[in-house]
PDB file of all heavy atoms in Angstrom:
ATOM      1  N   ALA A   1       0.833  -1.282   0.019  1.00  0.00           N
ATOM      2  CA  ALA A   1       0.031  -0.004   0.008  1.00  0.00           C
ATOM      3  C   ALA A   1       0.878   1.182  -0.009  1.00  0.00           C
ATOM      4  O   ALA A   1       0.531   2.261  -0.733  1.00  0.00           O
ATOM      5  CB  ALA A   1      -1.008  -0.004   1.147  1.00  0.00           C
ATOM      6  N   ARG A   2       1.888   1.219   0.797  1.00  0.00           N
ATOM      7  CA  ARG A   2       2.793   2.378   0.799  1.00  0.00           C
ATOM      8  C   ARG A   2       3.502   2.615  -0.549  1.00  0.00           C
ATOM      9  O   ARG A   2       3.543   3.761  -1.042  1.00  0.00           O
ATOM     10  CB  ARG A   2       3.972   2.110   1.860  1.00  0.00           C
ATOM     11  CG  ARG A   2       4.666   3.387   2.245  1.00  0.00           C
ATOM     12  CD  ARG A   2       5.646   3.180   3.480  1.00  0.00           C
ATOM     13  NE  ARG A   2       6.202   1.856   3.598  1.00  0.00           N
ATOM     14  CZ  ARG A   2       5.825   0.862   4.449  1.00  0.00           C
ATOM     15  NH1 ARG A   2       4.904   1.188   5.376  1.00  0.00           N
ATOM     16  NH2 ARG A   2       6.415  -0.245   4.587  1.00  0.00           N
ATOM     17  N   GLN A   3       3.904   1.534  -1.228  1.00  0.00           N
ATOM     18  CA  GLN A   3       4.469   1.650  -2.521  1.00  0.00           C
ATOM     19  C   GLN A   3       3.378   2.209  -3.567  1.00  0.00           C
ATOM     20  O   GLN A   3       3.719   3.133  -4.299  1.00  0.00           O
ATOM     21  CB  GLN A   3       4.966   0.274  -3.010  1.00  0.00           C
ATOM     22  CG  GLN A   3       5.636   0.440  -4.392  1.00  0.00           C
ATOM     23  CD  GLN A   3       6.878   1.370  -4.501  1.00  0.00           C
ATOM     24  OE1 GLN A   3       7.907   0.861  -4.062  1.00  0.00           O
ATOM     25  NE2 GLN A   3       6.728   2.530  -4.968  1.00  0.00           N
ATOM     26  N   LEU A   4       2.243   1.702  -3.649  1.00  0.00           N
ATOM     27  CA  LEU A   4       1.130   2.340  -4.409  1.00  0.00           C
ATOM     28  C   LEU A   4       0.892   3.748  -4.152  1.00  0.00           C
ATOM     29  O   LEU A   4       0.734   4.573  -5.115  1.00  0.00           O
ATOM     30  CB  LEU A   4      -0.176   1.483  -4.340  1.00  0.00           C
ATOM     31  CG  LEU A   4      -0.133   0.087  -4.695  1.00  0.00           C
ATOM     32  CD1 LEU A   4      -1.317  -0.725  -4.316  1.00  0.00           C
ATOM     33  CD2 LEU A   4       0.096  -0.084  -6.180  1.00  0.00           C
ATOM     34  N   SER A   5       0.897   4.078  -2.833  1.00  0.00           N
ATOM     35  CA  SER A   5       0.688   5.504  -2.538  1.00  0.00           C
ATOM     36  C   SER A   5       1.854   6.411  -3.001  1.00  0.00           C
ATOM     37  O   SER A   5       1.638   7.483  -3.496  1.00  0.00           O
ATOM     38  CB  SER A   5       0.592   5.648  -0.985  1.00  0.00           C
ATOM     39  OG  SER A   5      -0.595   5.080  -0.486  1.00  0.00           O
ATOM     40  N   ASP A   6       3.032   5.833  -2.845  1.00  0.00           N
ATOM     41  CA  ASP A   6       4.145   6.654  -3.422  1.00  0.00           C
ATOM     42  C   ASP A   6       4.035   6.861  -4.864  1.00  0.00           C
ATOM     43  O   ASP A   6       4.361   7.976  -5.302  1.00  0.00           O
ATOM     44  CB  ASP A   6       5.528   5.932  -3.079  1.00  0.00           C
ATOM     45  CG  ASP A   6       5.914   5.903  -1.599  1.00  0.00           C
ATOM     46  OD1 ASP A   6       5.205   6.700  -0.801  1.00  0.00           O
ATOM     47  OD2 ASP A   6       6.777   5.195  -1.129  1.00  0.00           O
ATOM     48  N   TRP A   7       3.765   5.846  -5.601  1.00  0.00           N
ATOM     49  CA  TRP A   7       3.644   5.956  -7.038  1.00  0.00           C
ATOM     50  C   TRP A   7       2.407   6.933  -7.341  1.00  0.00           C
ATOM     51  O   TRP A   7       2.592   7.729  -8.322  1.00  0.00           O
ATOM     52  CB  TRP A   7       3.303   4.616  -7.700  1.00  0.00           C
ATOM     53  CG  TRP A   7       4.511   3.686  -7.754  1.00  0.00           C
ATOM     54  CD1 TRP A   7       5.822   4.141  -8.044  1.00  0.00           C
ATOM     55  CD2 TRP A   7       4.445   2.310  -7.898  1.00  0.00           C
ATOM     56  NE1 TRP A   7       6.579   3.026  -8.097  1.00  0.00           N
ATOM     57  CE2 TRP A   7       5.903   1.794  -7.979  1.00  0.00           C
ATOM     58  CE3 TRP A   7       3.449   1.349  -7.721  1.00  0.00           C
ATOM     59  CZ2 TRP A   7       6.165   0.552  -8.008  1.00  0.00           C
ATOM     60  CZ3 TRP A   7       3.951   0.091  -7.823  1.00  0.00           C
ATOM     61  CH2 TRP A   7       5.146  -0.452  -7.960  1.00  0.00           C
ATOM     62  N   SER A   8       1.430   6.952  -6.618  1.00  0.00           N
ATOM     63  CA  SER A   8       0.254   7.804  -6.885  1.00  0.00           C
ATOM     64  C   SER A   8       0.638   9.441  -6.666  1.00  0.00           C
ATOM     65  O   SER A   8      -0.036  10.151  -7.308  1.00  0.00           O
ATOM     66  CB  SER A   8      -0.980   7.510  -5.934  1.00  0.00           C
ATOM     67  OG  SER A   8      -0.728   8.022  -4.575  1.00  0.00           O
ATOM     68  N   ARG A   9       1.729   9.626  -5.960  1.00  0.00           N
ATOM     69  CA  ARG A   9       2.248  10.979  -5.736  1.00  0.00           C
ATOM     70  C   ARG A   9       3.249  11.302  -6.702  1.00  0.00           C
ATOM     71  O   ARG A   9       3.724  12.519  -6.616  1.00  0.00           O
ATOM     72  CB  ARG A   9       2.635  11.082  -4.393  1.00  0.00           C
ATOM     73  CG  ARG A   9       1.429  11.001  -3.344  1.00  0.00           C
ATOM     74  CD  ARG A   9       1.847  11.454  -1.994  1.00  0.00           C
ATOM     75  NE  ARG A   9       2.874  10.622  -1.341  1.00  0.00           N
ATOM     76  CZ  ARG A   9       2.700   9.488  -0.700  1.00  0.00           C
ATOM     77  NH1 ARG A   9       1.393   8.991  -0.558  1.00  0.00           N
ATOM     78  NH2 ARG A   9       3.636   8.711  -0.205  1.00  0.00           N
ATOM     79  N   LEU A  10       3.509  10.506  -7.739  1.00  0.00           N
ATOM     80  CA  LEU A  10       4.622  11.073  -8.744  1.00  0.00           C
ATOM     81  C   LEU A  10       4.051  12.200  -9.464  1.00  0.00           C
ATOM     82  O   LEU A  10       2.917  12.202  -9.990  1.00  0.00           O
ATOM     83  CB  LEU A  10       4.993   9.949  -9.621  1.00  0.00           C
ATOM     84  CG  LEU A  10       5.664   8.629  -9.119  1.00  0.00           C
ATOM     85  CD1 LEU A  10       5.752   7.506 -10.141  1.00  0.00           C
ATOM     86  CD2 LEU A  10       7.112   9.076  -8.858  1.00  0.00           C
ATOM     87  N   PRO A  11       4.674  13.321  -9.472  1.00  0.00           N
ATOM     88  CA  PRO A  11       4.104  14.488 -10.039  1.00  0.00           C
ATOM     89  C   PRO A  11       3.839  14.526 -11.540  1.00  0.00           C
ATOM     90  O   PRO A  11       2.985  15.103 -12.087  1.00  0.00           O
ATOM     91  CB  PRO A  11       5.083  15.604  -9.719  1.00  0.00           C
ATOM     92  CG  PRO A  11       6.319  14.876  -9.499  1.00  0.00           C
ATOM     93  CD  PRO A  11       6.013  13.528  -8.873  1.00  0.00           C
ATOM     94  N   ASP A  12       4.500  13.537 -12.183  1.00  0.00           N
ATOM     95  CA  ASP A  12       4.403  13.496 -13.689  1.00  0.00           C
ATOM     96  C   ASP A  12       3.913  12.228 -14.154  1.00  0.00           C
ATOM     97  O   ASP A  12       4.043  11.952 -15.351  1.00  0.00           O
ATOM     98  CB  ASP A  12       5.780  13.852 -14.286  1.00  0.00           C
ATOM     99  CG  ASP A  12       6.888  12.933 -13.962  1.00  0.00           C
ATOM    100  OD1 ASP A  12       6.696  12.116 -12.918  1.00  0.00           O
ATOM    101  OD2 ASP A  12       7.993  12.912 -14.462  1.00  0.00           O
ATOM    102  N   LEU A  13       3.220  11.417 -13.383  1.00  0.00           N
ATOM    103  CA  LEU A  13       2.639  10.188 -13.679  1.00  0.00           C
ATOM    104  C   LEU A  13       1.538  10.331 -14.796  1.00  0.00           C
ATOM    105  O   LEU A  13       0.564  11.036 -14.700  1.00  0.00           O
ATOM    106  CB  LEU A  13       1.988   9.425 -12.529  1.00  0.00           C
ATOM    107  CG  LEU A  13       1.387   8.110 -12.760  1.00  0.00           C
ATOM    108  CD1 LEU A  13       2.548   7.128 -13.268  1.00  0.00           C
ATOM    109  CD2 LEU A  13       0.824   7.530 -11.542  1.00  0.00           C
ATOM    110  N   GLN A  14       1.775   9.709 -15.944  1.00  0.00           N
ATOM    111  CA  GLN A  14       0.949  10.000 -17.000  1.00  0.00           C
ATOM    112  C   GLN A  14      -0.076   8.589 -17.251  1.00  0.00           C
ATOM    113  O   GLN A  14      -1.218   8.724 -17.739  1.00  0.00           O
ATOM    114  CB  GLN A  14       1.627  10.159 -18.332  1.00  0.00           C
ATOM    115  CG  GLN A  14       2.404  11.425 -18.376  1.00  0.00           C
ATOM    116  CD  GLN A  14       1.561  12.710 -18.146  1.00  0.00           C
ATOM    117  OE1 GLN A  14       0.513  12.843 -18.833  1.00  0.00           O
ATOM    118  NE2 GLN A  14       1.790  13.476 -17.135  1.00  0.00           N
ATOM    119  N   ARG A  15       0.503   7.530 -16.955  1.00  0.00           N
ATOM    120  CA  ARG A  15      -0.269   6.245 -17.235  1.00  0.00           C
ATOM    121  C   ARG A  15       0.375   5.082 -16.464  1.00  0.00           C
ATOM    122  O   ARG A  15       1.470   5.083 -16.073  1.00  0.00           O
ATOM    123  CB  ARG A  15      -0.156   5.982 -18.771  1.00  0.00           C
ATOM    124  CG  ARG A  15       1.153   5.464 -19.276  1.00  0.00           C
ATOM    125  CD  ARG A  15       1.343   5.697 -20.783  1.00  0.00           C
ATOM    126  NE  ARG A  15       1.071   6.979 -21.296  1.00  0.00           N
ATOM    127  CZ  ARG A  15       2.099   8.025 -21.266  1.00  0.00           C
ATOM    128  NH1 ARG A  15       3.246   7.693 -20.647  1.00  0.00           N
ATOM    129  NH2 ARG A  15       1.961   9.115 -21.740  1.00  0.00           N
ATOM    130  N   VAL A  16      -0.519   4.051 -16.365  1.00  0.00           N
ATOM    131  CA  VAL A  16      -0.105   2.786 -15.761  1.00  0.00           C
ATOM    132  C   VAL A  16      -0.489   1.783 -16.786  1.00  0.00           C
ATOM    133  O   VAL A  16      -1.624   1.648 -17.252  1.00  0.00           O
ATOM    134  CB  VAL A  16      -0.806   2.498 -14.343  1.00  0.00           C
ATOM    135  CG1 VAL A  16      -0.431   1.203 -13.845  1.00  0.00           C
ATOM    136  CG2 VAL A  16      -0.609   3.658 -13.367  1.00  0.00           C
ATOM    137  N   ILE A  17       0.559   1.048 -17.176  1.00  0.00           N
ATOM    138  CA  ILE A  17       0.431  -0.013 -18.148  1.00  0.00           C
ATOM    139  C   ILE A  17       0.299  -1.387 -17.273  1.00  0.00           C
ATOM    140  O   ILE A  17       1.188  -1.637 -16.523  1.00  0.00           O
ATOM    141  CB  ILE A  17       1.473  -0.129 -19.158  1.00  0.00           C
ATOM    142  CG1 ILE A  17       1.479   1.187 -19.968  1.00  0.00           C
ATOM    143  CG2 ILE A  17       1.283  -1.364 -20.137  1.00  0.00           C
ATOM    144  CD1 ILE A  17       2.683   1.236 -20.983  1.00  0.00           C
ATOM    145  N   VAL A  18      -0.782  -2.058 -17.505  1.00  0.00           N
ATOM    146  CA  VAL A  18      -0.957  -3.329 -16.759  1.00  0.00           C
ATOM    147  C   VAL A  18      -0.991  -4.526 -17.791  1.00  0.00           C
ATOM    148  O   VAL A  18      -1.316  -4.332 -18.923  1.00  0.00           O
ATOM    149  CB  VAL A  18      -2.289  -3.305 -15.922  1.00  0.00           C
ATOM    150  CG1 VAL A  18      -2.118  -2.233 -14.898  1.00  0.00           C
ATOM    151  CG2 VAL A  18      -3.525  -3.079 -16.871  1.00  0.00           C
ATOM    152  N   SER A  19      -0.581  -5.665 -17.271  1.00  0.00           N
ATOM    153  CA  SER A  19      -0.600  -6.851 -18.041  1.00  0.00           C
ATOM    154  C   SER A  19      -1.951  -7.298 -18.403  1.00  0.00           C
ATOM    155  O   SER A  19      -2.274  -8.059 -19.393  1.00  0.00           O
ATOM    156  CB  SER A  19       0.160  -8.020 -17.415  1.00  0.00           C
ATOM    157  OG  SER A  19       1.538  -7.687 -17.305  1.00  0.00           O
ATOM    158  N   HIS A  20      -2.962  -7.080 -17.520  1.00  0.00           N
ATOM    159  CA  HIS A  20      -4.356  -7.477 -17.683  1.00  0.00           C
ATOM    160  C   HIS A  20      -5.296  -6.274 -17.804  1.00  0.00           C
ATOM    161  O   HIS A  20      -5.610  -5.774 -16.816  1.00  0.00           O
ATOM    162  CB  HIS A  20      -4.633  -8.424 -16.450  1.00  0.00           C
ATOM    163  CG  HIS A  20      -3.769  -9.641 -16.374  1.00  0.00           C
ATOM    164  ND1 HIS A  20      -3.731 -10.609 -17.155  1.00  0.00           N
ATOM    165  CD2 HIS A  20      -2.832  -9.801 -15.422  1.00  0.00           C
ATOM    166  CE1 HIS A  20      -2.813 -11.449 -16.780  1.00  0.00           C
ATOM    167  NE2 HIS A  20      -2.109 -10.967 -15.767  1.00  0.00           N
ATOM    168  N   GLY A  21      -5.671  -6.069 -19.095  1.00  0.00           N
ATOM    169  CA  GLY A  21      -6.573  -4.992 -19.272  1.00  0.00           C
ATOM    170  C   GLY A  21      -6.050  -3.820 -19.939  1.00  0.00           C
ATOM    171  O   GLY A  21      -4.959  -3.801 -20.470  1.00  0.00           O
ATOM    172  N   ASP A  22      -6.843  -2.739 -19.889  1.00  0.00           N
ATOM    173  CA  ASP A  22      -6.536  -1.512 -20.542  1.00  0.00           C
ATOM    174  C   ASP A  22      -5.475  -0.686 -19.911  1.00  0.00           C
ATOM    175  O   ASP A  22      -5.490  -0.707 -18.562  1.00  0.00           O
ATOM    176  CB  ASP A  22      -7.859  -0.701 -20.790  1.00  0.00           C
ATOM    177  CG  ASP A  22      -8.861  -1.406 -21.640  1.00  0.00           C
ATOM    178  OD1 ASP A  22      -8.456  -2.148 -22.646  1.00  0.00           O
ATOM    179  OD2 ASP A  22     -10.034  -1.209 -21.492  1.00  0.00           O
ATOM    180  N   ILE A  23      -4.824   0.055 -20.512  1.00  0.00           N
ATOM    181  CA  ILE A  23      -3.840   1.065 -20.025  1.00  0.00           C
ATOM    182  C   ILE A  23      -4.750   2.018 -19.173  1.00  0.00           C
ATOM    183  O   ILE A  23      -5.732   2.480 -19.584  1.00  0.00           O
ATOM    184  CB  ILE A  23      -3.073   1.770 -21.125  1.00  0.00           C
ATOM    185  CG1 ILE A  23      -2.098   0.755 -21.777  1.00  0.00           C
ATOM    186  CG2 ILE A  23      -2.326   3.071 -20.527  1.00  0.00           C
ATOM    187  CD1 ILE A  23      -1.459   1.423 -23.014  1.00  0.00           C
ATOM    188  N   ILE A  24      -4.119   2.351 -17.990  1.00  0.00           N
ATOM    189  CA  ILE A  24      -4.866   3.401 -17.114  1.00  0.00           C
ATOM    190  C   ILE A  24      -4.172   4.700 -17.410  1.00  0.00           C
ATOM    191  O   ILE A  24      -3.142   5.022 -17.058  1.00  0.00           O
ATOM    192  CB  ILE A  24      -4.653   3.017 -15.626  1.00  0.00           C
ATOM    193  CG1 ILE A  24      -5.141   1.578 -15.319  1.00  0.00           C
ATOM    194  CG2 ILE A  24      -5.351   4.072 -14.805  1.00  0.00           C
ATOM    195  CD1 ILE A  24      -4.767   0.966 -13.951  1.00  0.00           C
ATOM    196  N   ALA A  25      -5.002   5.488 -18.270  1.00  0.00           N
ATOM    197  CA  ALA A  25      -4.326   6.768 -18.692  1.00  0.00           C
ATOM    198  C   ALA A  25      -5.181   7.962 -18.060  1.00  0.00           C
ATOM    199  O   ALA A  25      -4.545   9.078 -17.980  1.00  0.00           O
ATOM    200  CB  ALA A  25      -4.533   6.835 -20.329  1.00  0.00           C
ATOM    201  N   ASN A  26      -6.300   7.743 -17.520  1.00  0.00           N
ATOM    202  CA  ASN A  26      -7.194   8.790 -16.953  1.00  0.00           C
ATOM    203  C   ASN A  26      -7.081   8.507 -15.530  1.00  0.00           C
ATOM    204  O   ASN A  26      -7.445   7.435 -15.068  1.00  0.00           O
ATOM    205  CB  ASN A  26      -8.590   8.748 -17.533  1.00  0.00           C
ATOM    206  CG  ASN A  26      -8.645   9.185 -19.011  1.00  0.00           C
ATOM    207  OD1 ASN A  26      -7.875   9.946 -19.461  1.00  0.00           O
ATOM    208  ND2 ASN A  26      -9.522   8.482 -19.603  1.00  0.00           N
ATOM    209  N   ASP A  27      -6.663   9.571 -14.756  1.00  0.00           N
ATOM    210  CA  ASP A  27      -6.713   9.514 -13.224  1.00  0.00           C
ATOM    211  C   ASP A  27      -5.901   8.318 -12.603  1.00  0.00           C
ATOM    212  O   ASP A  27      -6.264   7.612 -11.755  1.00  0.00           O
ATOM    213  CB  ASP A  27      -8.115   9.366 -12.776  1.00  0.00           C
ATOM    214  CG  ASP A  27      -9.048  10.565 -13.110  1.00  0.00           C
ATOM    215  OD1 ASP A  27      -8.501  11.657 -13.139  1.00  0.00           O
ATOM    216  OD2 ASP A  27     -10.150  10.292 -13.528  1.00  0.00           O
ATOM    217  N   ALA A  28      -4.721   8.046 -13.360  1.00  0.00           N
ATOM    218  CA  ALA A  28      -3.833   7.013 -12.926  1.00  0.00           C
ATOM    219  C   ALA A  28      -3.474   7.083 -11.434  1.00  0.00           C
ATOM    220  O   ALA A  28      -3.509   6.181 -10.600  1.00  0.00           O
ATOM    221  CB  ALA A  28      -2.662   6.756 -13.770  1.00  0.00           C
ATOM    222  N   ALA A  29      -3.098   8.346 -11.064  1.00  0.00           N
ATOM    223  CA  ALA A  29      -2.687   8.514  -9.591  1.00  0.00           C
ATOM    224  C   ALA A  29      -3.863   8.361  -8.751  1.00  0.00           C
ATOM    225  O   ALA A  29      -3.678   7.646  -7.644  1.00  0.00           O
ATOM    226  CB  ALA A  29      -2.261  10.052  -9.543  1.00  0.00           C
ATOM    227  N   ASP A  30      -5.086   8.724  -9.049  1.00  0.00           N
ATOM    228  CA  ASP A  30      -6.288   8.495  -8.175  1.00  0.00           C
ATOM    229  C   ASP A  30      -6.558   6.997  -7.983  1.00  0.00           C
ATOM    230  O   ASP A  30      -6.829   6.574  -6.925  1.00  0.00           O
ATOM    231  CB  ASP A  30      -7.497   9.226  -8.752  1.00  0.00           C
ATOM    232  CG  ASP A  30      -7.388  10.796  -8.592  1.00  0.00           C
ATOM    233  OD1 ASP A  30      -6.676  11.261  -7.875  1.00  0.00           O
ATOM    234  OD2 ASP A  30      -8.090  11.362  -9.350  1.00  0.00           O
ATOM    235  N   GLY A  31      -6.410   6.258  -9.195  1.00  0.00           N
ATOM    236  CA  GLY A  31      -6.607   4.804  -9.052  1.00  0.00           C
ATOM    237  C   GLY A  31      -5.673   4.202  -8.275  1.00  0.00           C
ATOM    238  O   GLY A  31      -6.045   3.216  -7.383  1.00  0.00           O
TER     239      GLY A  31
END
């Protein structure tokens, strides 16, 4: 959870690419 929170605070996070499903491009940090 701490790691996910740290990633969510990256100031320039644009997207999260996951192996299963669609790229998370909208509100990646919020997710």
